[in-house]
Amino acid sequence: MTDADFANYNVVLFGDPGSNKWIAKMLPKLPLKWTKDTITVGGNTFPAAENLPLLGYPNPLHPSHYVVLNTGLTISDNDYKATMRCRVFGDMTVLKIKDPTEPPEIAWGGLFDESWQLPK
């Protein structure tokens, strides 16, 4: 990906700040804090080793486009092989990772207001 891609397209990013330089670059301007140890959003903190964030948000590098963080598989192995169901989440969700044969559970979720702020 190049800076021009972000200027011209909505993008979906995979990985975490340690594996994806674009996530790391945007992170200070996203509505979450994400370190090797924790994910903090909406006043809640979760262990990063057991949780993953999902997010749809205006791209901080080019606000006329959107960025989606898709940081992990959100369906179970059985669902993937069988029906390919797609779960629907809020604008910002933290999923608790469980056994890979089971779908992750929602640890926290929320919707942004008209100003792209999370409710207090």
PDB file of N, CA and C in Angstrom:
ATOM      1  N   MET A   1       0.839  -1.171   0.000  1.00  0.00           N
ATOM      2  CA  MET A   1       0.000   0.000   0.000  1.00  0.00           C
ATOM      3  C   MET A   1       0.888   1.240   0.000  1.00  0.00           C
ATOM      4  N   THR A   2       0.350   2.277  -0.606  1.00  0.00           N
ATOM      5  CA  THR A   2       1.070   3.544  -0.650  1.00  0.00           C
ATOM      6  C   THR A   2       0.190   4.641  -0.059  1.00  0.00           C
ATOM      7  N   ASP A   3       0.782   5.785   0.203  1.00  0.00           N
ATOM      8  CA  ASP A   3       0.022   6.918   0.698  1.00  0.00           C
ATOM      9  C   ASP A   3      -1.075   7.294  -0.305  1.00  0.00           C
ATOM     10  N   ALA A   4      -0.804   7.130  -1.584  1.00  0.00           N
ATOM     11  CA  ALA A   4      -1.806   7.430  -2.609  1.00  0.00           C
ATOM     12  C   ALA A   4      -3.031   6.522  -2.495  1.00  0.00           C
ATOM     13  N   ASP A   5      -2.829   5.278  -2.083  1.00  0.00           N
ATOM     14  CA  ASP A   5      -3.966   4.371  -1.894  1.00  0.00           C
ATOM     15  C   ASP A   5      -4.917   4.928  -0.838  1.00  0.00           C
ATOM     16  N   PHE A   6      -4.351   5.467   0.246  1.00  0.00           N
ATOM     17  CA  PHE A   6      -5.183   6.027   1.308  1.00  0.00           C
ATOM     18  C   PHE A   6      -5.883   7.299   0.850  1.00  0.00           C
ATOM     19  N   ALA A   7      -5.278   8.033  -0.050  1.00  0.00           N
ATOM     20  CA  ALA A   7      -5.879   9.262  -0.571  1.00  0.00           C
ATOM     21  C   ALA A   7      -7.016   8.965  -1.539  1.00  0.00           C
ATOM     22  N   ASN A   8      -6.977   7.803  -2.178  1.00  0.00           N
ATOM     23  CA  ASN A   8      -7.941   7.498  -3.233  1.00  0.00           C
ATOM     24  C   ASN A   8      -9.001   6.456  -2.879  1.00  0.00           C
ATOM     25  N   TYR A   9      -8.780   5.683  -1.823  1.00  0.00           N
ATOM     26  CA  TYR A   9      -9.671   4.554  -1.540  1.00  0.00           C
ATOM     27  C   TYR A   9      -9.996   4.445  -0.055  1.00  0.00           C
ATOM     28  N   ASN A  10     -11.116   3.784   0.233  1.00  0.00           N
ATOM     29  CA  ASN A  10     -11.373   3.278   1.570  1.00  0.00           C
ATOM     30  C   ASN A  10     -10.508   2.032   1.701  1.00  0.00           C
ATOM     31  N   VAL A  11      -9.958   1.785   2.887  1.00  0.00           N
ATOM     32  CA  VAL A  11      -9.042   0.657   3.038  1.00  0.00           C
ATOM     33  C   VAL A  11      -9.432  -0.211   4.224  1.00  0.00           C
ATOM     34  N   VAL A  12      -9.106  -1.489   4.120  1.00  0.00           N
ATOM     35  CA  VAL A  12      -9.252  -2.444   5.210  1.00  0.00           C
ATOM     36  C   VAL A  12      -7.853  -2.886   5.585  1.00  0.00           C
ATOM     37  N   LEU A  13      -7.513  -2.732   6.860  1.00  0.00           N
ATOM     38  CA  LEU A  13      -6.181  -3.084   7.345  1.00  0.00           C
ATOM     39  C   LEU A  13      -6.265  -4.310   8.240  1.00  0.00           C
ATOM     40  N   PHE A  14      -5.317  -5.197   8.080  1.00  0.00           N
ATOM     41  CA  PHE A  14      -5.234  -6.419   8.867  1.00  0.00           C
ATOM     42  C   PHE A  14      -3.979  -6.383   9.718  1.00  0.00           C
ATOM     43  N   GLY A  15      -4.014  -7.028  10.858  1.00  0.00           N
ATOM     44  CA  GLY A  15      -2.844  -7.127  11.708  1.00  0.00           C
ATOM     45  C   GLY A  15      -2.986  -6.318  12.972  1.00  0.00           C
ATOM     46  N   ASP A  16      -1.853  -5.902  13.501  1.00  0.00           N
ATOM     47  CA  ASP A  16      -1.805  -5.100  14.713  1.00  0.00           C
ATOM     48  C   ASP A  16      -0.719  -4.045  14.537  1.00  0.00           C
ATOM     49  N   PRO A  17      -0.541  -3.142  15.494  1.00  0.00           N
ATOM     50  CA  PRO A  17       0.460  -2.082  15.306  1.00  0.00           C
ATOM     51  C   PRO A  17       1.885  -2.597  15.137  1.00  0.00           C
ATOM     52  N   GLY A  18       2.168  -3.807  15.625  1.00  0.00           N
ATOM     53  CA  GLY A  18       3.507  -4.359  15.467  1.00  0.00           C
ATOM     54  C   GLY A  18       3.747  -5.004  14.116  1.00  0.00           C
ATOM     55  N   SER A  19       2.668  -5.406  13.442  1.00  0.00           N
ATOM     56  CA  SER A  19       2.829  -6.097  12.157  1.00  0.00           C
ATOM     57  C   SER A  19       2.390  -5.260  10.957  1.00  0.00           C
ATOM     58  N   ASN A  20       1.675  -4.172  11.195  1.00  0.00           N
ATOM     59  CA  ASN A  20       1.163  -3.351  10.099  1.00  0.00           C
ATOM     60  C   ASN A  20       1.551  -1.893  10.351  1.00  0.00           C
ATOM     61  N   LYS A  21       2.460  -1.386   9.538  1.00  0.00           N
ATOM     62  CA  LYS A  21       2.969  -0.023   9.757  1.00  0.00           C
ATOM     63  C   LYS A  21       1.882   1.028   9.614  1.00  0.00           C
ATOM     64  N   TRP A  22       0.853   0.764   8.808  1.00  0.00           N
ATOM     65  CA  TRP A  22      -0.209   1.738   8.622  1.00  0.00           C
ATOM     66  C   TRP A  22      -1.077   1.841   9.870  1.00  0.00           C
ATOM     67  N   ILE A  23      -1.349   0.707  10.511  1.00  0.00           N
ATOM     68  CA  ILE A  23      -2.091   0.747  11.780  1.00  0.00           C
ATOM     69  C   ILE A  23      -1.276   1.528  12.804  1.00  0.00           C
ATOM     70  N   ALA A  24       0.008   1.243  12.891  1.00  0.00           N
ATOM     71  CA  ALA A  24       0.877   1.956  13.841  1.00  0.00           C
ATOM     72  C   ALA A  24       0.883   3.456  13.560  1.00  0.00           C
ATOM     73  N   LYS A  25       0.902   3.835  12.296  1.00  0.00           N
ATOM     74  CA  LYS A  25       0.946   5.255  11.925  1.00  0.00           C
ATOM     75  C   LYS A  25      -0.362   5.969  12.286  1.00  0.00           C
ATOM     76  N   MET A  26      -1.498   5.292  12.115  1.00  0.00           N
ATOM     77  CA  MET A  26      -2.801   5.892  12.392  1.00  0.00           C
ATOM     78  C   MET A  26      -3.185   5.855  13.863  1.00  0.00           C
ATOM     79  N   LEU A  27      -2.644   4.921  14.598  1.00  0.00           N
ATOM     80  CA  LEU A  27      -3.086   4.650  15.962  1.00  0.00           C
ATOM     81  C   LEU A  27      -3.215   5.879  16.854  1.00  0.00           C
ATOM     82  N   PRO A  28      -2.281   6.816  16.845  1.00  0.00           N
ATOM     83  CA  PRO A  28      -2.446   7.985  17.721  1.00  0.00           C
ATOM     84  C   PRO A  28      -3.697   8.810  17.430  1.00  0.00           C
ATOM     85  N   LYS A  29      -4.255   8.664  16.223  1.00  0.00           N
ATOM     86  CA  LYS A  29      -5.429   9.455  15.848  1.00  0.00           C
ATOM     87  C   LYS A  29      -6.712   8.633  15.819  1.00  0.00           C
ATOM     88  N   LEU A  30      -6.646   7.391  16.251  1.00  0.00           N
ATOM     89  CA  LEU A  30      -7.832   6.533  16.315  1.00  0.00           C
ATOM     90  C   LEU A  30      -8.403   6.566  17.735  1.00  0.00           C
ATOM     91  N   PRO A  31      -9.688   6.242  17.898  1.00  0.00           N
ATOM     92  CA  PRO A  31     -10.324   6.343  19.214  1.00  0.00           C
ATOM     93  C   PRO A  31     -10.064   5.127  20.118  1.00  0.00           C
ATOM     94  N   LEU A  32      -8.845   4.630  20.086  1.00  0.00           N
ATOM     95  CA  LEU A  32      -8.459   3.542  20.973  1.00  0.00           C
ATOM     96  C   LEU A  32      -6.971   3.641  21.247  1.00  0.00           C
ATOM     97  N   LYS A  33      -6.561   3.043  22.342  1.00  0.00           N
ATOM     98  CA  LYS A  33      -5.138   2.906  22.651  1.00  0.00           C
ATOM     99  C   LYS A  33      -4.840   1.419  22.573  1.00  0.00           C
ATOM    100  N   TRP A  34      -3.757   1.080  21.875  1.00  0.00           N
ATOM    101  CA  TRP A  34      -3.451  -0.324  21.639  1.00  0.00           C
ATOM    102  C   TRP A  34      -1.957  -0.521  21.794  1.00  0.00           C
ATOM    103  N   THR A  35      -1.588  -1.249  22.834  1.00  0.00           N
ATOM    104  CA  THR A  35      -0.185  -1.576  23.069  1.00  0.00           C
ATOM    105  C   THR A  35      -0.014  -3.085  22.968  1.00  0.00           C
ATOM    106  N   LYS A  36       1.214  -3.551  23.155  1.00  0.00           N
ATOM    107  CA  LYS A  36       1.439  -5.002  23.168  1.00  0.00           C
ATOM    108  C   LYS A  36       0.645  -5.675  24.274  1.00  0.00           C
ATOM    109  N   ASP A  37       0.378  -4.931  25.355  1.00  0.00           N
ATOM    110  CA  ASP A  37      -0.258  -5.524  26.525  1.00  0.00           C
ATOM    111  C   ASP A  37      -1.755  -5.273  26.634  1.00  0.00           C
ATOM    112  N   THR A  38      -2.212  -4.104  26.188  1.00  0.00           N
ATOM    113  CA  THR A  38      -3.618  -3.759  26.413  1.00  0.00           C
ATOM    114  C   THR A  38      -4.255  -3.070  25.211  1.00  0.00           C
ATOM    115  N   ILE A  39      -5.584  -3.143  25.188  1.00  0.00           N
ATOM    116  CA  ILE A  39      -6.432  -2.380  24.273  1.00  0.00           C
ATOM    117  C   ILE A  39      -7.367  -1.583  25.167  1.00  0.00           C
ATOM    118  N   THR A  40      -7.387  -0.262  25.001  1.00  0.00           N
ATOM    119  CA  THR A  40      -8.259   0.588  25.807  1.00  0.00           C
ATOM    120  C   THR A  40      -9.182   1.349  24.879  1.00  0.00           C
ATOM    121  N   VAL A  41     -10.473   1.239  25.155  1.00  0.00           N
ATOM    122  CA  VAL A  41     -11.486   1.928  24.354  1.00  0.00           C
ATOM    123  C   VAL A  41     -12.735   2.114  25.216  1.00  0.00           C
ATOM    124  N   GLY A  42     -13.392   3.253  25.026  1.00  0.00           N
ATOM    125  CA  GLY A  42     -14.629   3.502  25.748  1.00  0.00           C
ATOM    126  C   GLY A  42     -14.486   3.405  27.254  1.00  0.00           C
ATOM    127  N   GLY A  43     -13.317   3.775  27.784  1.00  0.00           N
ATOM    128  CA  GLY A  43     -13.091   3.719  29.216  1.00  0.00           C
ATOM    129  C   GLY A  43     -12.835   2.322  29.761  1.00  0.00           C
ATOM    130  N   ASN A  44     -12.693   1.351  28.890  1.00  0.00           N
ATOM    131  CA  ASN A  44     -12.448  -0.035  29.296  1.00  0.00           C
ATOM    132  C   ASN A  44     -11.091  -0.488  28.781  1.00  0.00           C
ATOM    133  N   THR A  45     -10.418  -1.325  29.556  1.00  0.00           N
ATOM    134  CA  THR A  45      -9.125  -1.869  29.158  1.00  0.00           C
ATOM    135  C   THR A  45      -9.212  -3.388  29.116  1.00  0.00           C
ATOM    136  N   PHE A  46      -8.646  -3.960  28.056  1.00  0.00           N
ATOM    137  CA  PHE A  46      -8.687  -5.405  27.835  1.00  0.00           C
ATOM    138  C   PHE A  46      -7.280  -5.921  27.572  1.00  0.00           C
ATOM    139  N   PRO A  47      -6.965  -7.148  28.006  1.00  0.00           N
ATOM    140  CA  PRO A  47      -5.648  -7.720  27.688  1.00  0.00           C
ATOM    141  C   PRO A  47      -5.531  -7.955  26.178  1.00  0.00           C
ATOM    142  N   ALA A  48      -4.472  -7.437  25.566  1.00  0.00           N
ATOM    143  CA  ALA A  48      -4.297  -7.568  24.118  1.00  0.00           C
ATOM    144  C   ALA A  48      -4.087  -9.016  23.686  1.00  0.00           C
ATOM    145  N   ALA A  49      -3.548  -9.843  24.551  1.00  0.00           N
ATOM    146  CA  ALA A  49      -3.302 -11.242  24.197  1.00  0.00           C
ATOM    147  C   ALA A  49      -4.599 -12.040  24.060  1.00  0.00           C
ATOM    148  N   GLU A  50      -5.690 -11.540  24.633  1.00  0.00           N
ATOM    149  CA  GLU A  50      -6.956 -12.270  24.629  1.00  0.00           C
ATOM    150  C   GLU A  50      -8.068 -11.565  23.868  1.00  0.00           C
ATOM    151  N   ASN A  51      -7.781 -10.400  23.317  1.00  0.00           N
ATOM    152  CA  ASN A  51      -8.822  -9.599  22.672  1.00  0.00           C
ATOM    153  C   ASN A  51      -8.296  -8.969  21.394  1.00  0.00           C
ATOM    154  N   LEU A  52      -9.232  -8.595  20.514  1.00  0.00           N
ATOM    155  CA  LEU A  52      -8.845  -7.896  19.294  1.00  0.00           C
ATOM    156  C   LEU A  52      -9.889  -6.846  18.965  1.00  0.00           C
ATOM    157  N   PRO A  53      -9.433  -5.683  18.478  1.00  0.00           N
ATOM    158  CA  PRO A  53     -10.375  -4.620  18.131  1.00  0.00           C
ATOM    159  C   PRO A  53     -10.806  -4.693  16.667  1.00  0.00           C
ATOM    160  N   LEU A  54     -12.035  -4.287  16.430  1.00  0.00           N
ATOM    161  CA  LEU A  54     -12.574  -4.092  15.081  1.00  0.00           C
ATOM    162  C   LEU A  54     -13.079  -2.654  15.039  1.00  0.00           C
ATOM    163  N   LEU A  55     -12.893  -1.991  13.910  1.00  0.00           N
ATOM    164  CA  LEU A  55     -13.219  -0.578  13.862  1.00  0.00           C
ATOM    165  C   LEU A  55     -13.502  -0.137  12.436  1.00  0.00           C
ATOM    166  N   GLY A  56     -14.513   0.682  12.262  1.00  0.00           N
ATOM    167  CA  GLY A  56     -14.754   1.434  11.040  1.00  0.00           C
ATOM    168  C   GLY A  56     -14.730   2.901  11.410  1.00  0.00           C
ATOM    169  N   TYR A  57     -13.899   3.721  10.730  1.00  0.00           N
ATOM    170  CA  TYR A  57     -13.669   5.089  11.186  1.00  0.00           C
ATOM    171  C   TYR A  57     -13.142   5.927  10.017  1.00  0.00           C
ATOM    172  N   PRO A  58     -13.382   7.253  10.050  1.00  0.00           N
ATOM    173  CA  PRO A  58     -12.762   8.089   9.019  1.00  0.00           C
ATOM    174  C   PRO A  58     -11.234   7.933   9.066  1.00  0.00           C
ATOM    175  N   ASN A  59     -10.643   7.797   7.919  1.00  0.00           N
ATOM    176  CA  ASN A  59      -9.200   7.587   7.838  1.00  0.00           C
ATOM    177  C   ASN A  59      -8.458   8.831   8.346  1.00  0.00           C
ATOM    178  N   PRO A  60      -7.665   8.699   9.427  1.00  0.00           N
ATOM    179  CA  PRO A  60      -6.958   9.877   9.945  1.00  0.00           C
ATOM    180  C   PRO A  60      -5.958  10.477   8.960  1.00  0.00           C
ATOM    181  N   LEU A  61      -5.477   9.689   8.012  1.00  0.00           N
ATOM    182  CA  LEU A  61      -4.522  10.202   7.023  1.00  0.00           C
ATOM    183  C   LEU A  61      -5.226  10.944   5.895  1.00  0.00           C
ATOM    184  N   HIS A  62      -6.463  10.526   5.590  1.00  0.00           N
ATOM    185  CA  HIS A  62      -7.260  11.141   4.527  1.00  0.00           C
ATOM    186  C   HIS A  62      -8.728  11.027   4.924  1.00  0.00           C
ATOM    187  N   PRO A  63      -9.251  11.982   5.709  1.00  0.00           N
ATOM    188  CA  PRO A  63     -10.593  11.873   6.278  1.00  0.00           C
ATOM    189  C   PRO A  63     -11.746  11.789   5.286  1.00  0.00           C
ATOM    190  N   SER A  64     -11.506  12.008   3.998  1.00  0.00           N
ATOM    191  CA  SER A  64     -12.589  11.846   3.022  1.00  0.00           C
ATOM    192  C   SER A  64     -12.837  10.369   2.701  1.00  0.00           C
ATOM    193  N   HIS A  65     -12.005   9.492   3.256  1.00  0.00           N
ATOM    194  CA  HIS A  65     -12.156   8.047   3.075  1.00  0.00           C
ATOM    195  C   HIS A  65     -12.202   7.373   4.442  1.00  0.00           C
ATOM    196  N   TYR A  66     -12.519   6.094   4.430  1.00  0.00           N
ATOM    197  CA  TYR A  66     -12.642   5.341   5.672  1.00  0.00           C
ATOM    198  C   TYR A  66     -11.554   4.289   5.783  1.00  0.00           C
ATOM    199  N   VAL A  67     -11.289   3.919   7.033  1.00  0.00           N
ATOM    200  CA  VAL A  67     -10.396   2.806   7.312  1.00  0.00           C
ATOM    201  C   VAL A  67     -11.177   1.807   8.169  1.00  0.00           C
ATOM    202  N   VAL A  68     -10.964   0.547   7.886  1.00  0.00           N
ATOM    203  CA  VAL A  68     -11.539  -0.532   8.685  1.00  0.00           C
ATOM    204  C   VAL A  68     -10.385  -1.341   9.238  1.00  0.00           C
ATOM    205  N   LEU A  69     -10.400  -1.554  10.550  1.00  0.00           N
ATOM    206  CA  LEU A  69      -9.437  -2.471  11.155  1.00  0.00           C
ATOM    207  C   LEU A  69     -10.128  -3.814  11.278  1.00  0.00           C
ATOM    208  N   ASN A  70      -9.605  -4.787  10.596  1.00  0.00           N
ATOM    209  CA  ASN A  70     -10.108  -6.158  10.681  1.00  0.00           C
ATOM    210  C   ASN A  70      -8.938  -6.972  11.204  1.00  0.00           C
ATOM    211  N   THR A  71      -8.843  -7.061  12.504  1.00  0.00           N
ATOM    212  CA  THR A  71      -7.627  -7.560  13.126  1.00  0.00           C
ATOM    213  C   THR A  71      -7.618  -9.048  13.391  1.00  0.00           C
ATOM    214  N   GLY A  72      -8.639  -9.741  12.950  1.00  0.00           N
ATOM    215  CA  GLY A  72      -8.648 -11.191  13.141  1.00  0.00           C
ATOM    216  C   GLY A  72      -9.918 -11.808  12.597  1.00  0.00           C
ATOM    217  N   LEU A  73      -9.933 -13.112  12.512  1.00  0.00           N
ATOM    218  CA  LEU A  73     -11.091 -13.844  12.021  1.00  0.00           C
ATOM    219  C   LEU A  73     -12.225 -13.730  13.021  1.00  0.00           C
ATOM    220  N   THR A  74     -13.409 -13.353  12.560  1.00  0.00           N
ATOM    221  CA  THR A  74     -14.527 -13.100  13.466  1.00  0.00           C
ATOM    222  C   THR A  74     -15.591 -14.184  13.423  1.00  0.00           C
ATOM    223  N   ILE A  75     -15.298 -15.286  12.744  1.00  0.00           N
ATOM    224  CA  ILE A  75     -16.213 -16.421  12.746  1.00  0.00           C
ATOM    225  C   ILE A  75     -15.419 -17.669  13.107  1.00  0.00           C
ATOM    226  N   SER A  76     -16.113 -18.683  13.550  1.00  0.00           N
ATOM    227  CA  SER A  76     -15.431 -19.916  13.944  1.00  0.00           C
ATOM    228  C   SER A  76     -15.031 -20.722  12.716  1.00  0.00           C
ATOM    229  N   ASP A  77     -14.140 -21.682  12.919  1.00  0.00           N
ATOM    230  CA  ASP A  77     -13.745 -22.578  11.835  1.00  0.00           C
ATOM    231  C   ASP A  77     -14.953 -23.275  11.235  1.00  0.00           C
ATOM    232  N   ASN A  78     -15.864 -23.740  12.093  1.00  0.00           N
ATOM    233  CA  ASN A  78     -17.047 -24.459  11.604  1.00  0.00           C
ATOM    234  C   ASN A  78     -17.948 -23.559  10.778  1.00  0.00           C
ATOM    235  N   ASP A  79     -18.144 -22.313  11.219  1.00  0.00           N
ATOM    236  CA  ASP A  79     -18.958 -21.380  10.448  1.00  0.00           C
ATOM    237  C   ASP A  79     -18.303 -21.079   9.106  1.00  0.00           C
ATOM    238  N   TYR A  80     -16.985 -20.918   9.120  1.00  0.00           N
ATOM    239  CA  TYR A  80     -16.255 -20.607   7.890  1.00  0.00           C
ATOM    240  C   TYR A  80     -16.406 -21.734   6.885  1.00  0.00           C
ATOM    241  N   LYS A  81     -16.333 -22.964   7.351  1.00  0.00           N
ATOM    242  CA  LYS A  81     -16.421 -24.118   6.463  1.00  0.00           C
ATOM    243  C   LYS A  81     -17.853 -24.400   6.032  1.00  0.00           C
ATOM    244  N   ALA A  82     -18.820 -24.015   6.855  1.00  0.00           N
ATOM    245  CA  ALA A  82     -20.195 -24.407   6.588  1.00  0.00           C
ATOM    246  C   ALA A  82     -20.993 -23.320   5.876  1.00  0.00           C
ATOM    247  N   THR A  83     -21.347 -22.296   6.550  1.00  0.00           N
ATOM    248  CA  THR A  83     -22.326 -21.360   6.006  1.00  0.00           C
ATOM    249  C   THR A  83     -21.776 -19.992   5.649  1.00  0.00           C
ATOM    250  N   MET A  84     -20.536 -19.683   6.044  1.00  0.00           N
ATOM    251  CA  MET A  84     -19.928 -18.373   5.775  1.00  0.00           C
ATOM    252  C   MET A  84     -20.786 -17.234   6.309  1.00  0.00           C
ATOM    253  N   ARG A  85     -21.408 -17.431   7.467  1.00  0.00           N
ATOM    254  CA  ARG A  85     -22.193 -16.355   8.073  1.00  0.00           C
ATOM    255  C   ARG A  85     -21.268 -15.185   8.404  1.00  0.00           C
ATOM    256  N   CYS A  86     -21.778 -14.018   8.241  1.00  0.00           N
ATOM    257  CA  CYS A  86     -21.008 -12.820   8.560  1.00  0.00           C
ATOM    258  C   CYS A  86     -21.696 -12.116   9.723  1.00  0.00           C
ATOM    259  N   ARG A  87     -21.023 -12.048  10.857  1.00  0.00           N
ATOM    260  CA  ARG A  87     -21.596 -11.384  12.022  1.00  0.00           C
ATOM    261  C   ARG A  87     -21.530  -9.877  11.818  1.00  0.00           C
ATOM    262  N   VAL A  88     -22.495  -9.187  12.372  1.00  0.00           N
ATOM    263  CA  VAL A  88     -22.556  -7.739  12.283  1.00  0.00           C
ATOM    264  C   VAL A  88     -22.164  -7.169  13.643  1.00  0.00           C
ATOM    265  N   PHE A  89     -21.239  -6.225  13.622  1.00  0.00           N
ATOM    266  CA  PHE A  89     -20.762  -5.587  14.835  1.00  0.00           C
ATOM    267  C   PHE A  89     -21.045  -4.100  14.768  1.00  0.00           C
ATOM    268  N   GLY A  90     -20.851  -3.411  15.883  1.00  0.00           N
ATOM    269  CA  GLY A  90     -20.999  -1.960  15.919  1.00  0.00           C
ATOM    270  C   GLY A  90     -19.840  -1.279  15.204  1.00  0.00           C
ATOM    271  N   ASP A  91     -19.789   0.042  15.317  1.00  0.00           N
ATOM    272  CA  ASP A  91     -18.710   0.813  14.700  1.00  0.00           C
ATOM    273  C   ASP A  91     -17.357   0.461  15.300  1.00  0.00           C
ATOM    274  N   MET A  92     -17.363   0.150  16.598  1.00  0.00           N
ATOM    275  CA  MET A  92     -16.137  -0.175  17.327  1.00  0.00           C
ATOM    276  C   MET A  92     -16.460  -1.355  18.233  1.00  0.00           C
ATOM    277  N   THR A  93     -15.707  -2.436  18.087  1.00  0.00           N
ATOM    278  CA  THR A  93     -15.964  -3.647  18.860  1.00  0.00           C
ATOM    279  C   THR A  93     -14.649  -4.228  19.340  1.00  0.00           C
ATOM    280  N   VAL A  94     -14.673  -4.783  20.528  1.00  0.00           N
ATOM    281  CA  VAL A  94     -13.546  -5.561  21.033  1.00  0.00           C
ATOM    282  C   VAL A  94     -14.058  -6.984  21.197  1.00  0.00           C
ATOM    283  N   LEU A  95     -13.375  -7.920  20.542  1.00  0.00           N
ATOM    284  CA  LEU A  95     -13.763  -9.328  20.623  1.00  0.00           C
ATOM    285  C   LEU A  95     -12.820 -10.077  21.537  1.00  0.00           C
ATOM    286  N   LYS A  96     -13.382 -10.927  22.387  1.00  0.00           N
ATOM    287  CA  LYS A  96     -12.585 -11.798  23.244  1.00  0.00           C
ATOM    288  C   LYS A  96     -12.319 -13.073  22.471  1.00  0.00           C
ATOM    289  N   ILE A  97     -11.051 -13.401  22.342  1.00  0.00           N
ATOM    290  CA  ILE A  97     -10.631 -14.579  21.594  1.00  0.00           C
ATOM    291  C   ILE A  97     -10.825 -15.811  22.470  1.00  0.00           C
ATOM    292  N   LYS A  98     -11.470 -16.804  21.899  1.00  0.00           N
ATOM    293  CA  LYS A  98     -11.669 -18.066  22.604  1.00  0.00           C
ATOM    294  C   LYS A  98     -11.034 -19.180  21.785  1.00  0.00           C
ATOM    295  N   ASP A  99     -11.462 -20.365  22.010  1.00  0.00           N
ATOM    296  CA  ASP A  99     -11.038 -21.520  21.224  1.00  0.00           C
ATOM    297  C   ASP A  99     -11.306 -21.235  19.745  1.00  0.00           C
ATOM    298  N   PRO A 100     -10.359 -21.533  18.829  1.00  0.00           N
ATOM    299  CA  PRO A 100     -10.577 -21.218  17.411  1.00  0.00           C
ATOM    300  C   PRO A 100     -11.769 -21.933  16.777  1.00  0.00           C
ATOM    301  N   THR A 101     -12.268 -22.975  17.412  1.00  0.00           N
ATOM    302  CA  THR A 101     -13.444 -23.657  16.866  1.00  0.00           C
ATOM    303  C   THR A 101     -14.733 -22.963  17.285  1.00  0.00           C
ATOM    304  N   GLU A 102     -14.628 -21.987  18.165  1.00  0.00           N
ATOM    305  CA  GLU A 102     -15.788 -21.232  18.636  1.00  0.00           C
ATOM    306  C   GLU A 102     -15.681 -19.787  18.166  1.00  0.00           C
ATOM    307  N   PRO A 103     -16.812 -19.155  17.858  1.00  0.00           N
ATOM    308  CA  PRO A 103     -16.732 -17.737  17.490  1.00  0.00           C
ATOM    309  C   PRO A 103     -16.301 -16.905  18.693  1.00  0.00           C
ATOM    310  N   PRO A 104     -15.582 -15.807  18.458  1.00  0.00           N
ATOM    311  CA  PRO A 104     -15.219 -14.945  19.582  1.00  0.00           C
ATOM    312  C   PRO A 104     -16.467 -14.302  20.164  1.00  0.00           C
ATOM    313  N   GLU A 105     -16.390 -13.909  21.423  1.00  0.00           N
ATOM    314  CA  GLU A 105     -17.536 -13.224  22.025  1.00  0.00           C
ATOM    315  C   GLU A 105     -17.254 -11.727  22.091  1.00  0.00           C
ATOM    316  N   ILE A 106     -18.293 -10.949  22.070  1.00  0.00           N
ATOM    317  CA  ILE A 106     -18.144  -9.501  22.138  1.00  0.00           C
ATOM    318  C   ILE A 106     -17.830  -9.121  23.578  1.00  0.00           C
ATOM    319  N   ALA A 107     -16.656  -8.537  23.784  1.00  0.00           N
ATOM    320  CA  ALA A 107     -16.265  -8.060  25.109  1.00  0.00           C
ATOM    321  C   ALA A 107     -16.791  -6.646  25.325  1.00  0.00           C
ATOM    322  N   TRP A 108     -16.844  -5.865  24.253  1.00  0.00           N
ATOM    323  CA  TRP A 108     -17.331  -4.487  24.314  1.00  0.00           C
ATOM    324  C   TRP A 108     -17.684  -4.041  22.905  1.00  0.00           C
ATOM    325  N   GLY A 109     -18.687  -3.210  22.776  1.00  0.00           N
ATOM    326  CA  GLY A 109     -19.037  -2.659  21.472  1.00  0.00           C
ATOM    327  C   GLY A 109     -19.742  -1.332  21.622  1.00  0.00           C
ATOM    328  N   GLY A 110     -19.633  -0.501  20.607  1.00  0.00           N
ATOM    329  CA  GLY A 110     -20.285   0.794  20.654  1.00  0.00           C
ATOM    330  C   GLY A 110     -20.466   1.399  19.281  1.00  0.00           C
ATOM    331  N   LEU A 111     -21.293   2.421  19.241  1.00  0.00           N
ATOM    332  CA  LEU A 111     -21.546   3.178  18.018  1.00  0.00           C
ATOM    333  C   LEU A 111     -21.039   4.599  18.210  1.00  0.00           C
ATOM    334  N   PHE A 112     -20.476   5.168  17.168  1.00  0.00           N
ATOM    335  CA  PHE A 112     -20.047   6.555  17.209  1.00  0.00           C
ATOM    336  C   PHE A 112     -21.241   7.467  17.022  1.00  0.00           C
ATOM    337  N   ASP A 113     -21.145   8.680  17.571  1.00  0.00           N
ATOM    338  CA  ASP A 113     -22.193   9.666  17.332  1.00  0.00           C
ATOM    339  C   ASP A 113     -21.906  10.378  16.001  1.00  0.00           C
ATOM    340  N   GLU A 114     -22.671  11.411  15.707  1.00  0.00           N
ATOM    341  CA  GLU A 114     -22.545  12.122  14.427  1.00  0.00           C
ATOM    342  C   GLU A 114     -21.188  12.803  14.271  1.00  0.00           C
ATOM    343  N   SER A 115     -20.472  13.014  15.379  1.00  0.00           N
ATOM    344  CA  SER A 115     -19.150  13.647  15.343  1.00  0.00           C
ATOM    345  C   SER A 115     -18.029  12.614  15.455  1.00  0.00           C
ATOM    346  N   TRP A 116     -18.352  11.354  15.266  1.00  0.00           N
ATOM    347  CA  TRP A 116     -17.394  10.252  15.356  1.00  0.00           C
ATOM    348  C   TRP A 116     -16.764  10.144  16.744  1.00  0.00           C
ATOM    349  N   GLN A 117     -17.583  10.418  17.769  1.00  0.00           N
ATOM    350  CA  GLN A 117     -17.146  10.245  19.154  1.00  0.00           C
ATOM    351  C   GLN A 117     -17.908   9.075  19.756  1.00  0.00           C
ATOM    352  N   LEU A 118     -17.251   8.350  20.628  1.00  0.00           N
ATOM    353  CA  LEU A 118     -17.933   7.289  21.371  1.00  0.00           C
ATOM    354  C   LEU A 118     -18.719   7.935  22.518  1.00  0.00           C
ATOM    355  N   PRO A 119     -19.898   7.391  22.835  1.00  0.00           N
ATOM    356  CA  PRO A 119     -20.631   7.944  23.965  1.00  0.00           C
ATOM    357  C   PRO A 119     -19.847   7.811  25.266  1.00  0.00           C
ATOM    358  N   LYS A 120     -20.038   8.726  26.153  1.00  0.00           N
ATOM    359  CA  LYS A 120     -19.325   8.690  27.439  1.00  0.00           C
ATOM    360  C   LYS A 120     -19.949   7.649  28.341  1.00  0.00           C
TER     361      LYS A 120
END
